[in-house]
Amino acid sequence: MDETESLNRAIHEDVELFPYNPNWPAMFQGERDRLLHLFPGDFLAIEHIGSTAVPGLSAKPIIDILAGVDSMSGADELMEPLCQAKYATSMEFNASLV
């Protein structure tokens, strides 16, 4: 399945909430470490956001990550490499809604 098909399936899938999983913070930490390894020095901060970041809250089990950069041009330059590393970006998601 290609990334576009995967993204479209995610957009149109039924939403199923799962009980809080205490492993979600560790899963985020693993992704944070991976991003820092793949893109050293590119991010000002990497934060765990969304419902999986709230202890005790039921959630759709997708780890949402917000990564800060120093400029929009820096963000634009990271889009393709992030997608090549199998991340879905909000820009990619928004483009799929058109």
PDB file of N, CA and C in Angstrom:
ATOM      1  N   MET A   1       0.852  -1.170   0.000  1.00  0.00           N
ATOM      2  CA  MET A   1       0.000   0.000   0.000  1.00  0.00           C
ATOM      3  C   MET A   1       0.901   1.238   0.000  1.00  0.00           C
ATOM      4  N   ASP A   2       0.632   2.179  -0.914  1.00  0.00           N
ATOM      5  CA  ASP A   2       1.446   3.385  -0.952  1.00  0.00           C
ATOM      6  C   ASP A   2       0.952   4.387   0.096  1.00  0.00           C
ATOM      7  N   GLU A   3       1.724   5.469   0.266  1.00  0.00           N
ATOM      8  CA  GLU A   3       1.408   6.446   1.319  1.00  0.00           C
ATOM      9  C   GLU A   3       0.070   7.136   1.087  1.00  0.00           C
ATOM     10  N   THR A   4      -0.265   7.428  -0.174  1.00  0.00           N
ATOM     11  CA  THR A   4      -1.534   8.094  -0.466  1.00  0.00           C
ATOM     12  C   THR A   4      -2.702   7.191  -0.103  1.00  0.00           C
ATOM     13  N   GLU A   5      -2.609   5.940  -0.474  1.00  0.00           N
ATOM     14  CA  GLU A   5      -3.672   4.986  -0.143  1.00  0.00           C
ATOM     15  C   GLU A   5      -3.798   4.829   1.368  1.00  0.00           C
ATOM     16  N   SER A   6      -2.676   4.740   2.048  1.00  0.00           N
ATOM     17  CA  SER A   6      -2.680   4.619   3.506  1.00  0.00           C
ATOM     18  C   SER A   6      -3.325   5.840   4.149  1.00  0.00           C
ATOM     19  N   LEU A   7      -2.990   7.018   3.655  1.00  0.00           N
ATOM     20  CA  LEU A   7      -3.550   8.252   4.196  1.00  0.00           C
ATOM     21  C   LEU A   7      -5.054   8.322   3.943  1.00  0.00           C
ATOM     22  N   ASN A   8      -5.492   7.960   2.740  1.00  0.00           N
ATOM     23  CA  ASN A   8      -6.919   7.969   2.434  1.00  0.00           C
ATOM     24  C   ASN A   8      -7.689   6.978   3.301  1.00  0.00           C
ATOM     25  N   ARG A   9      -7.108   5.818   3.557  1.00  0.00           N
ATOM     26  CA  ARG A   9      -7.757   4.856   4.442  1.00  0.00           C
ATOM     27  C   ARG A   9      -7.899   5.430   5.841  1.00  0.00           C
ATOM     28  N   ALA A  10      -6.872   6.130   6.307  1.00  0.00           N
ATOM     29  CA  ALA A  10      -6.927   6.728   7.648  1.00  0.00           C
ATOM     30  C   ALA A  10      -7.990   7.814   7.723  1.00  0.00           C
ATOM     31  N   ILE A  11      -8.152   8.572   6.668  1.00  0.00           N
ATOM     32  CA  ILE A  11      -9.140   9.649   6.655  1.00  0.00           C
ATOM     33  C   ILE A  11     -10.555   9.091   6.735  1.00  0.00           C
ATOM     34  N   HIS A  12     -10.800   7.996   6.041  1.00  0.00           N
ATOM     35  CA  HIS A  12     -12.153   7.475   5.909  1.00  0.00           C
ATOM     36  C   HIS A  12     -12.465   6.298   6.826  1.00  0.00           C
ATOM     37  N   GLU A  13     -11.541   5.911   7.663  1.00  0.00           N
ATOM     38  CA  GLU A  13     -11.789   4.762   8.525  1.00  0.00           C
ATOM     39  C   GLU A  13     -12.717   5.126   9.688  1.00  0.00           C
ATOM     40  N   ASP A  14     -13.377   4.108  10.203  1.00  0.00           N
ATOM     41  CA  ASP A  14     -14.167   4.312  11.413  1.00  0.00           C
ATOM     42  C   ASP A  14     -13.207   4.601  12.560  1.00  0.00           C
ATOM     43  N   VAL A  15     -13.607   5.528  13.415  1.00  0.00           N
ATOM     44  CA  VAL A  15     -12.774   5.882  14.559  1.00  0.00           C
ATOM     45  C   VAL A  15     -13.071   4.910  15.685  1.00  0.00           C
ATOM     46  N   GLU A  16     -12.014   4.298  16.177  1.00  0.00           N
ATOM     47  CA  GLU A  16     -12.134   3.382  17.305  1.00  0.00           C
ATOM     48  C   GLU A  16     -11.185   3.865  18.398  1.00  0.00           C
ATOM     49  N   LEU A  17     -11.739   4.119  19.567  1.00  0.00           N
ATOM     50  CA  LEU A  17     -10.918   4.554  20.696  1.00  0.00           C
ATOM     51  C   LEU A  17     -10.492   3.354  21.517  1.00  0.00           C
ATOM     52  N   PHE A  18      -9.284   3.421  22.020  1.00  0.00           N
ATOM     53  CA  PHE A  18      -8.717   2.364  22.838  1.00  0.00           C
ATOM     54  C   PHE A  18      -8.453   2.911  24.231  1.00  0.00           C
ATOM     55  N   PRO A  19      -8.512   2.046  25.244  1.00  0.00           N
ATOM     56  CA  PRO A  19      -8.151   2.511  26.590  1.00  0.00           C
ATOM     57  C   PRO A  19      -6.713   3.017  26.589  1.00  0.00           C
ATOM     58  N   TYR A  20      -6.425   3.927  27.506  1.00  0.00           N
ATOM     59  CA  TYR A  20      -5.066   4.472  27.616  1.00  0.00           C
ATOM     60  C   TYR A  20      -4.051   3.339  27.680  1.00  0.00           C
ATOM     61  N   ASN A  21      -2.978   3.494  26.934  1.00  0.00           N
ATOM     62  CA  ASN A  21      -1.899   2.514  26.923  1.00  0.00           C
ATOM     63  C   ASN A  21      -0.668   3.169  27.556  1.00  0.00           C
ATOM     64  N   PRO A  22      -0.203   2.645  28.681  1.00  0.00           N
ATOM     65  CA  PRO A  22       0.957   3.262  29.336  1.00  0.00           C
ATOM     66  C   PRO A  22       2.243   3.185  28.507  1.00  0.00           C
ATOM     67  N   ASN A  23       2.231   2.452  27.393  1.00  0.00           N
ATOM     68  CA  ASN A  23       3.397   2.387  26.508  1.00  0.00           C
ATOM     69  C   ASN A  23       3.463   3.556  25.530  1.00  0.00           C
ATOM     70  N   TRP A  24       2.374   4.334  25.387  1.00  0.00           N
ATOM     71  CA  TRP A  24       2.369   5.434  24.424  1.00  0.00           C
ATOM     72  C   TRP A  24       3.491   6.438  24.660  1.00  0.00           C
ATOM     73  N   PRO A  25       3.783   6.854  25.900  1.00  0.00           N
ATOM     74  CA  PRO A  25       4.918   7.780  26.076  1.00  0.00           C
ATOM     75  C   PRO A  25       6.250   7.192  25.599  1.00  0.00           C
ATOM     76  N   ALA A  26       6.465   5.905  25.824  1.00  0.00           N
ATOM     77  CA  ALA A  26       7.709   5.271  25.371  1.00  0.00           C
ATOM     78  C   ALA A  26       7.739   5.163  23.846  1.00  0.00           C
ATOM     79  N   MET A  27       6.574   4.925  23.247  1.00  0.00           N
ATOM     80  CA  MET A  27       6.502   4.884  21.787  1.00  0.00           C
ATOM     81  C   MET A  27       6.855   6.252  21.205  1.00  0.00           C
ATOM     82  N   PHE A  28       6.327   7.315  21.831  1.00  0.00           N
ATOM     83  CA  PHE A  28       6.694   8.660  21.395  1.00  0.00           C
ATOM     84  C   PHE A  28       8.195   8.867  21.536  1.00  0.00           C
ATOM     85  N   GLN A  29       8.759   8.497  22.674  1.00  0.00           N
ATOM     86  CA  GLN A  29      10.189   8.699  22.907  1.00  0.00           C
ATOM     87  C   GLN A  29      11.016   7.987  21.839  1.00  0.00           C
ATOM     88  N   GLY A  30      10.579   6.784  21.449  1.00  0.00           N
ATOM     89  CA  GLY A  30      11.274   6.063  20.385  1.00  0.00           C
ATOM     90  C   GLY A  30      11.231   6.817  19.063  1.00  0.00           C
ATOM     91  N   GLU A  31      10.073   7.383  18.728  1.00  0.00           N
ATOM     92  CA  GLU A  31       9.956   8.162  17.495  1.00  0.00           C
ATOM     93  C   GLU A  31      10.750   9.463  17.582  1.00  0.00           C
ATOM     94  N   ARG A  32      10.732  10.080  18.750  1.00  0.00           N
ATOM     95  CA  ARG A  32      11.516  11.306  18.954  1.00  0.00           C
ATOM     96  C   ARG A  32      12.997  11.014  18.733  1.00  0.00           C
ATOM     97  N   ASP A  33      13.472   9.928  19.323  1.00  0.00           N
ATOM     98  CA  ASP A  33      14.872   9.547  19.164  1.00  0.00           C
ATOM     99  C   ASP A  33      15.198   9.258  17.694  1.00  0.00           C
ATOM    100  N   ARG A  34      14.271   8.588  17.001  1.00  0.00           N
ATOM    101  CA  ARG A  34      14.471   8.281  15.580  1.00  0.00           C
ATOM    102  C   ARG A  34      14.574   9.577  14.768  1.00  0.00           C
ATOM    103  N   LEU A  35      13.679  10.518  15.019  1.00  0.00           N
ATOM    104  CA  LEU A  35      13.719  11.793  14.303  1.00  0.00           C
ATOM    105  C   LEU A  35      15.025  12.544  14.561  1.00  0.00           C
ATOM    106  N   LEU A  36      15.453  12.570  15.815  1.00  0.00           N
ATOM    107  CA  LEU A  36      16.705  13.252  16.147  1.00  0.00           C
ATOM    108  C   LEU A  36      17.902  12.579  15.485  1.00  0.00           C
ATOM    109  N   HIS A  37      17.838  11.266  15.335  1.00  0.00           N
ATOM    110  CA  HIS A  37      18.912  10.526  14.668  1.00  0.00           C
ATOM    111  C   HIS A  37      18.900  10.784  13.152  1.00  0.00           C
ATOM    112  N   LEU A  38      17.689  10.758  12.549  1.00  0.00           N
ATOM    113  CA  LEU A  38      17.578  10.949  11.101  1.00  0.00           C
ATOM    114  C   LEU A  38      17.862  12.388  10.671  1.00  0.00           C
ATOM    115  N   PHE A  39      17.512  13.346  11.531  1.00  0.00           N
ATOM    116  CA  PHE A  39      17.600  14.763  11.186  1.00  0.00           C
ATOM    117  C   PHE A  39      18.312  15.545  12.289  1.00  0.00           C
ATOM    118  N   PRO A  40      19.574  15.227  12.550  1.00  0.00           N
ATOM    119  CA  PRO A  40      20.276  15.897  13.651  1.00  0.00           C
ATOM    120  C   PRO A  40      20.373  17.408  13.437  1.00  0.00           C
ATOM    121  N   GLY A  41      19.992  18.151  14.458  1.00  0.00           N
ATOM    122  CA  GLY A  41      20.094  19.597  14.418  1.00  0.00           C
ATOM    123  C   GLY A  41      18.981  20.319  13.674  1.00  0.00           C
ATOM    124  N   ASP A  42      18.024  19.595  13.092  1.00  0.00           N
ATOM    125  CA  ASP A  42      16.972  20.243  12.302  1.00  0.00           C
ATOM    126  C   ASP A  42      15.789  20.724  13.137  1.00  0.00           C
ATOM    127  N   PHE A  43      15.580  20.162  14.308  1.00  0.00           N
ATOM    128  CA  PHE A  43      14.396  20.491  15.103  1.00  0.00           C
ATOM    129  C   PHE A  43      14.762  21.301  16.346  1.00  0.00           C
ATOM    130  N   LEU A  44      13.937  22.315  16.640  1.00  0.00           N
ATOM    131  CA  LEU A  44      14.107  23.091  17.873  1.00  0.00           C
ATOM    132  C   LEU A  44      13.509  22.344  19.056  1.00  0.00           C
ATOM    133  N   ALA A  45      12.418  21.623  18.798  1.00  0.00           N
ATOM    134  CA  ALA A  45      11.737  20.838  19.827  1.00  0.00           C
ATOM    135  C   ALA A  45      10.894  19.781  19.140  1.00  0.00           C
ATOM    136  N   ILE A  46      10.677  18.680  19.827  1.00  0.00           N
ATOM    137  CA  ILE A  46       9.796  17.623  19.343  1.00  0.00           C
ATOM    138  C   ILE A  46       8.901  17.245  20.514  1.00  0.00           C
ATOM    139  N   GLU A  47       7.588  17.414  20.330  1.00  0.00           N
ATOM    140  CA  GLU A  47       6.630  17.224  21.420  1.00  0.00           C
ATOM    141  C   GLU A  47       5.604  16.146  21.086  1.00  0.00           C
ATOM    142  N   HIS A  48       5.188  15.433  22.099  1.00  0.00           N
ATOM    143  CA  HIS A  48       4.100  14.455  22.005  1.00  0.00           C
ATOM    144  C   HIS A  48       2.803  15.226  22.232  1.00  0.00           C
ATOM    145  N   ILE A  49       1.916  15.227  21.225  1.00  0.00           N
ATOM    146  CA  ILE A  49       0.665  15.970  21.324  1.00  0.00           C
ATOM    147  C   ILE A  49      -0.507  15.023  21.060  1.00  0.00           C
ATOM    148  N   GLY A  50      -1.695  15.528  21.245  1.00  0.00           N
ATOM    149  CA  GLY A  50      -2.884  14.738  20.943  1.00  0.00           C
ATOM    150  C   GLY A  50      -3.300  13.868  22.113  1.00  0.00           C
ATOM    151  N   SER A  51      -4.322  13.070  21.870  1.00  0.00           N
ATOM    152  CA  SER A  51      -4.940  12.308  22.956  1.00  0.00           C
ATOM    153  C   SER A  51      -4.025  11.246  23.558  1.00  0.00           C
ATOM    154  N   THR A  52      -3.098  10.679  22.780  1.00  0.00           N
ATOM    155  CA  THR A  52      -2.199   9.674  23.355  1.00  0.00           C
ATOM    156  C   THR A  52      -1.193  10.288  24.322  1.00  0.00           C
ATOM    157  N   ALA A  53      -1.100  11.616  24.330  1.00  0.00           N
ATOM    158  CA  ALA A  53      -0.173  12.306  25.236  1.00  0.00           C
ATOM    159  C   ALA A  53      -0.805  12.595  26.598  1.00  0.00           C
ATOM    160  N   VAL A  54      -2.096  12.287  26.749  1.00  0.00           N
ATOM    161  CA  VAL A  54      -2.811  12.599  27.989  1.00  0.00           C
ATOM    162  C   VAL A  54      -2.967  11.320  28.815  1.00  0.00           C
ATOM    163  N   PRO A  55      -2.249  11.201  29.925  1.00  0.00           N
ATOM    164  CA  PRO A  55      -2.348   9.991  30.747  1.00  0.00           C
ATOM    165  C   PRO A  55      -3.795   9.703  31.156  1.00  0.00           C
ATOM    166  N   GLY A  56      -4.189   8.453  30.958  1.00  0.00           N
ATOM    167  CA  GLY A  56      -5.511   8.006  31.376  1.00  0.00           C
ATOM    168  C   GLY A  56      -6.612   8.220  30.360  1.00  0.00           C
ATOM    169  N   LEU A  57      -6.348   8.953  29.278  1.00  0.00           N
ATOM    170  CA  LEU A  57      -7.379   9.270  28.290  1.00  0.00           C
ATOM    171  C   LEU A  57      -7.449   8.191  27.212  1.00  0.00           C
ATOM    172  N   SER A  58      -8.663   7.737  26.892  1.00  0.00           N
ATOM    173  CA  SER A  58      -8.843   6.833  25.758  1.00  0.00           C
ATOM    174  C   SER A  58      -8.466   7.584  24.491  1.00  0.00           C
ATOM    175  N   ALA A  59      -7.983   6.861  23.482  1.00  0.00           N
ATOM    176  CA  ALA A  59      -7.491   7.532  22.283  1.00  0.00           C
ATOM    177  C   ALA A  59      -7.484   6.594  21.092  1.00  0.00           C
ATOM    178  N   LYS A  60      -7.461   7.193  19.916  1.00  0.00           N
ATOM    179  CA  LYS A  60      -7.138   6.460  18.705  1.00  0.00           C
ATOM    180  C   LYS A  60      -5.626   6.230  18.800  1.00  0.00           C
ATOM    181  N   PRO A  61      -5.159   5.004  18.694  1.00  0.00           N
ATOM    182  CA  PRO A  61      -3.751   4.714  19.021  1.00  0.00           C
ATOM    183  C   PRO A  61      -2.752   5.148  17.950  1.00  0.00           C
ATOM    184  N   ILE A  62      -2.709   6.444  17.728  1.00  0.00           N
ATOM    185  CA  ILE A  62      -1.741   7.030  16.797  1.00  0.00           C
ATOM    186  C   ILE A  62      -0.959   8.087  17.573  1.00  0.00           C
ATOM    187  N   ILE A  63       0.347   7.975  17.548  1.00  0.00           N
ATOM    188  CA  ILE A  63       1.196   8.919  18.268  1.00  0.00           C
ATOM    189  C   ILE A  63       1.369  10.166  17.404  1.00  0.00           C
ATOM    190  N   ASP A  64       0.772  11.277  17.859  1.00  0.00           N
ATOM    191  CA  ASP A  64       0.903  12.545  17.146  1.00  0.00           C
ATOM    192  C   ASP A  64       2.118  13.293  17.685  1.00  0.00           C
ATOM    193  N   ILE A  65       2.900  13.820  16.750  1.00  0.00           N
ATOM    194  CA  ILE A  65       4.149  14.493  17.092  1.00  0.00           C
ATOM    195  C   ILE A  65       4.153  15.883  16.461  1.00  0.00           C
ATOM    196  N   LEU A  66       4.543  16.871  17.229  1.00  0.00           N
ATOM    197  CA  LEU A  66       4.733  18.227  16.721  1.00  0.00           C
ATOM    198  C   LEU A  66       6.224  18.535  16.810  1.00  0.00           C
ATOM    199  N   ALA A  67       6.816  18.847  15.670  1.00  0.00           N
ATOM    200  CA  ALA A  67       8.251  19.145  15.628  1.00  0.00           C
ATOM    201  C   ALA A  67       8.439  20.589  15.196  1.00  0.00           C
ATOM    202  N   GLY A  68       9.131  21.370  16.004  1.00  0.00           N
ATOM    203  CA  GLY A  68       9.374  22.772  15.698  1.00  0.00           C
ATOM    204  C   GLY A  68      10.681  22.963  14.958  1.00  0.00           C
ATOM    205  N   VAL A  69      10.645  23.877  13.995  1.00  0.00           N
ATOM    206  CA  VAL A  69      11.837  24.243  13.236  1.00  0.00           C
ATOM    207  C   VAL A  69      11.994  25.764  13.285  1.00  0.00           C
ATOM    208  N   ASP A  70      13.114  26.261  12.808  1.00  0.00           N
ATOM    209  CA  ASP A  70      13.372  27.699  12.940  1.00  0.00           C
ATOM    210  C   ASP A  70      12.782  28.561  11.830  1.00  0.00           C
ATOM    211  N   SER A  71      12.242  27.940  10.766  1.00  0.00           N
ATOM    212  CA  SER A  71      11.660  28.741   9.681  1.00  0.00           C
ATOM    213  C   SER A  71      10.718  27.877   8.846  1.00  0.00           C
ATOM    214  N   MET A  72       9.843  28.534   8.114  1.00  0.00           N
ATOM    215  CA  MET A  72       8.955  27.811   7.205  1.00  0.00           C
ATOM    216  C   MET A  72       9.755  27.164   6.077  1.00  0.00           C
ATOM    217  N   SER A  73      10.802  27.827   5.630  1.00  0.00           N
ATOM    218  CA  SER A  73      11.617  27.226   4.565  1.00  0.00           C
ATOM    219  C   SER A  73      12.293  25.948   5.081  1.00  0.00           C
ATOM    220  N   GLY A  74      12.699  25.952   6.354  1.00  0.00           N
ATOM    221  CA  GLY A  74      13.264  24.742   6.950  1.00  0.00           C
ATOM    222  C   GLY A  74      12.244  23.628   7.014  1.00  0.00           C
ATOM    223  N   ALA A  75      10.998  23.983   7.353  1.00  0.00           N
ATOM    224  CA  ALA A  75       9.921  22.993   7.390  1.00  0.00           C
ATOM    225  C   ALA A  75       9.675  22.435   5.997  1.00  0.00           C
ATOM    226  N   ASP A  76       9.630  23.315   5.001  1.00  0.00           N
ATOM    227  CA  ASP A  76       9.406  22.878   3.623  1.00  0.00           C
ATOM    228  C   ASP A  76      10.493  21.917   3.162  1.00  0.00           C
ATOM    229  N   GLU A  77      11.731  22.200   3.540  1.00  0.00           N
ATOM    230  CA  GLU A  77      12.852  21.348   3.124  1.00  0.00           C
ATOM    231  C   GLU A  77      12.787  19.961   3.763  1.00  0.00           C
ATOM    232  N   LEU A  78      12.118  19.852   4.906  1.00  0.00           N
ATOM    233  CA  LEU A  78      12.028  18.567   5.603  1.00  0.00           C
ATOM    234  C   LEU A  78      10.863  17.703   5.127  1.00  0.00           C
ATOM    235  N   MET A  79       9.911  18.269   4.387  1.00  0.00           N
ATOM    236  CA  MET A  79       8.714  17.513   3.987  1.00  0.00           C
ATOM    237  C   MET A  79       9.053  16.231   3.243  1.00  0.00           C
ATOM    238  N   GLU A  80       9.808  16.346   2.184  1.00  0.00           N
ATOM    239  CA  GLU A  80      10.130  15.158   1.381  1.00  0.00           C
ATOM    240  C   GLU A  80      10.934  14.127   2.180  1.00  0.00           C
ATOM    241  N   PRO A  81      12.003  14.537   2.879  1.00  0.00           N
ATOM    242  CA  PRO A  81      12.741  13.543   3.669  1.00  0.00           C
ATOM    243  C   PRO A  81      11.882  12.875   4.754  1.00  0.00           C
ATOM    244  N   LEU A  82      10.968  13.626   5.375  1.00  0.00           N
ATOM    245  CA  LEU A  82      10.080  13.027   6.377  1.00  0.00           C
ATOM    246  C   LEU A  82       9.170  11.977   5.741  1.00  0.00           C
ATOM    247  N   CYS A  83       8.616  12.297   4.588  1.00  0.00           N
ATOM    248  CA  CYS A  83       7.756  11.333   3.896  1.00  0.00           C
ATOM    249  C   CYS A  83       8.557  10.108   3.463  1.00  0.00           C
ATOM    250  N   GLN A  84       9.794  10.309   3.012  1.00  0.00           N
ATOM    251  CA  GLN A  84      10.647   9.188   2.637  1.00  0.00           C
ATOM    252  C   GLN A  84      10.970   8.306   3.842  1.00  0.00           C
ATOM    253  N   ALA A  85      10.965   8.897   5.039  1.00  0.00           N
ATOM    254  CA  ALA A  85      11.217   8.144   6.271  1.00  0.00           C
ATOM    255  C   ALA A  85       9.930   7.515   6.814  1.00  0.00           C
ATOM    256  N   LYS A  86       8.852   7.560   6.003  1.00  0.00           N
ATOM    257  CA  LYS A  86       7.564   6.922   6.322  1.00  0.00           C
ATOM    258  C   LYS A  86       6.738   7.661   7.362  1.00  0.00           C
ATOM    259  N   TYR A  87       6.956   8.980   7.483  1.00  0.00           N
ATOM    260  CA  TYR A  87       6.094   9.792   8.333  1.00  0.00           C
ATOM    261  C   TYR A  87       5.020  10.431   7.470  1.00  0.00           C
ATOM    262  N   ALA A  88       3.835  10.605   8.035  1.00  0.00           N
ATOM    263  CA  ALA A  88       2.770  11.362   7.382  1.00  0.00           C
ATOM    264  C   ALA A  88       2.788  12.758   7.992  1.00  0.00           C
ATOM    265  N   THR A  89       2.805  13.771   7.148  1.00  0.00           N
ATOM    266  CA  THR A  89       2.853  15.142   7.631  1.00  0.00           C
ATOM    267  C   THR A  89       1.480  15.788   7.524  1.00  0.00           C
ATOM    268  N   SER A  90       1.246  16.857   8.276  1.00  0.00           N
ATOM    269  CA  SER A  90      -0.030  17.549   8.185  1.00  0.00           C
ATOM    270  C   SER A  90      -0.211  18.153   6.797  1.00  0.00           C
ATOM    271  N   MET A  91       0.872  18.587   6.139  1.00  0.00           N
ATOM    272  CA  MET A  91       0.770  19.128   4.789  1.00  0.00           C
ATOM    273  C   MET A  91       0.269  18.039   3.838  1.00  0.00           C
ATOM    274  N   GLU A  92       0.801  16.831   3.988  1.00  0.00           N
ATOM    275  CA  GLU A  92       0.375  15.698   3.166  1.00  0.00           C
ATOM    276  C   GLU A  92      -1.091  15.389   3.426  1.00  0.00           C
ATOM    277  N   PHE A  93      -1.485  15.408   4.686  1.00  0.00           N
ATOM    278  CA  PHE A  93      -2.873  15.147   5.057  1.00  0.00           C
ATOM    279  C   PHE A  93      -3.793  16.215   4.479  1.00  0.00           C
ATOM    280  N   ASN A  94      -3.463  17.471   4.644  1.00  0.00           N
ATOM    281  CA  ASN A  94      -4.299  18.556   4.134  1.00  0.00           C
ATOM    282  C   ASN A  94      -4.439  18.497   2.616  1.00  0.00           C
ATOM    283  N   ALA A  95      -3.379  18.175   1.907  1.00  0.00           N
ATOM    284  CA  ALA A  95      -3.432  18.078   0.441  1.00  0.00           C
ATOM    285  C   ALA A  95      -4.360  16.961   0.000  1.00  0.00           C
ATOM    286  N   SER A  96      -4.488  15.915   0.801  1.00  0.00           N
ATOM    287  CA  SER A  96      -5.335  14.786   0.430  1.00  0.00           C
ATOM    288  C   SER A  96      -6.816  15.113   0.551  1.00  0.00           C
ATOM    289  N   LEU A  97      -7.163  16.194   1.225  1.00  0.00           N
ATOM    290  CA  LEU A  97      -8.563  16.560   1.421  1.00  0.00           C
ATOM    291  C   LEU A  97      -9.134  17.327   0.237  1.00  0.00           C
ATOM    292  N   VAL A  98      -8.272  17.761  -0.669  1.00  0.00           N
ATOM    293  CA  VAL A  98      -8.699  18.567  -1.818  1.00  0.00           C
ATOM    294  C   VAL A  98      -9.307  17.676  -2.877  1.00  0.00           C
TER     295      VAL A  98
END
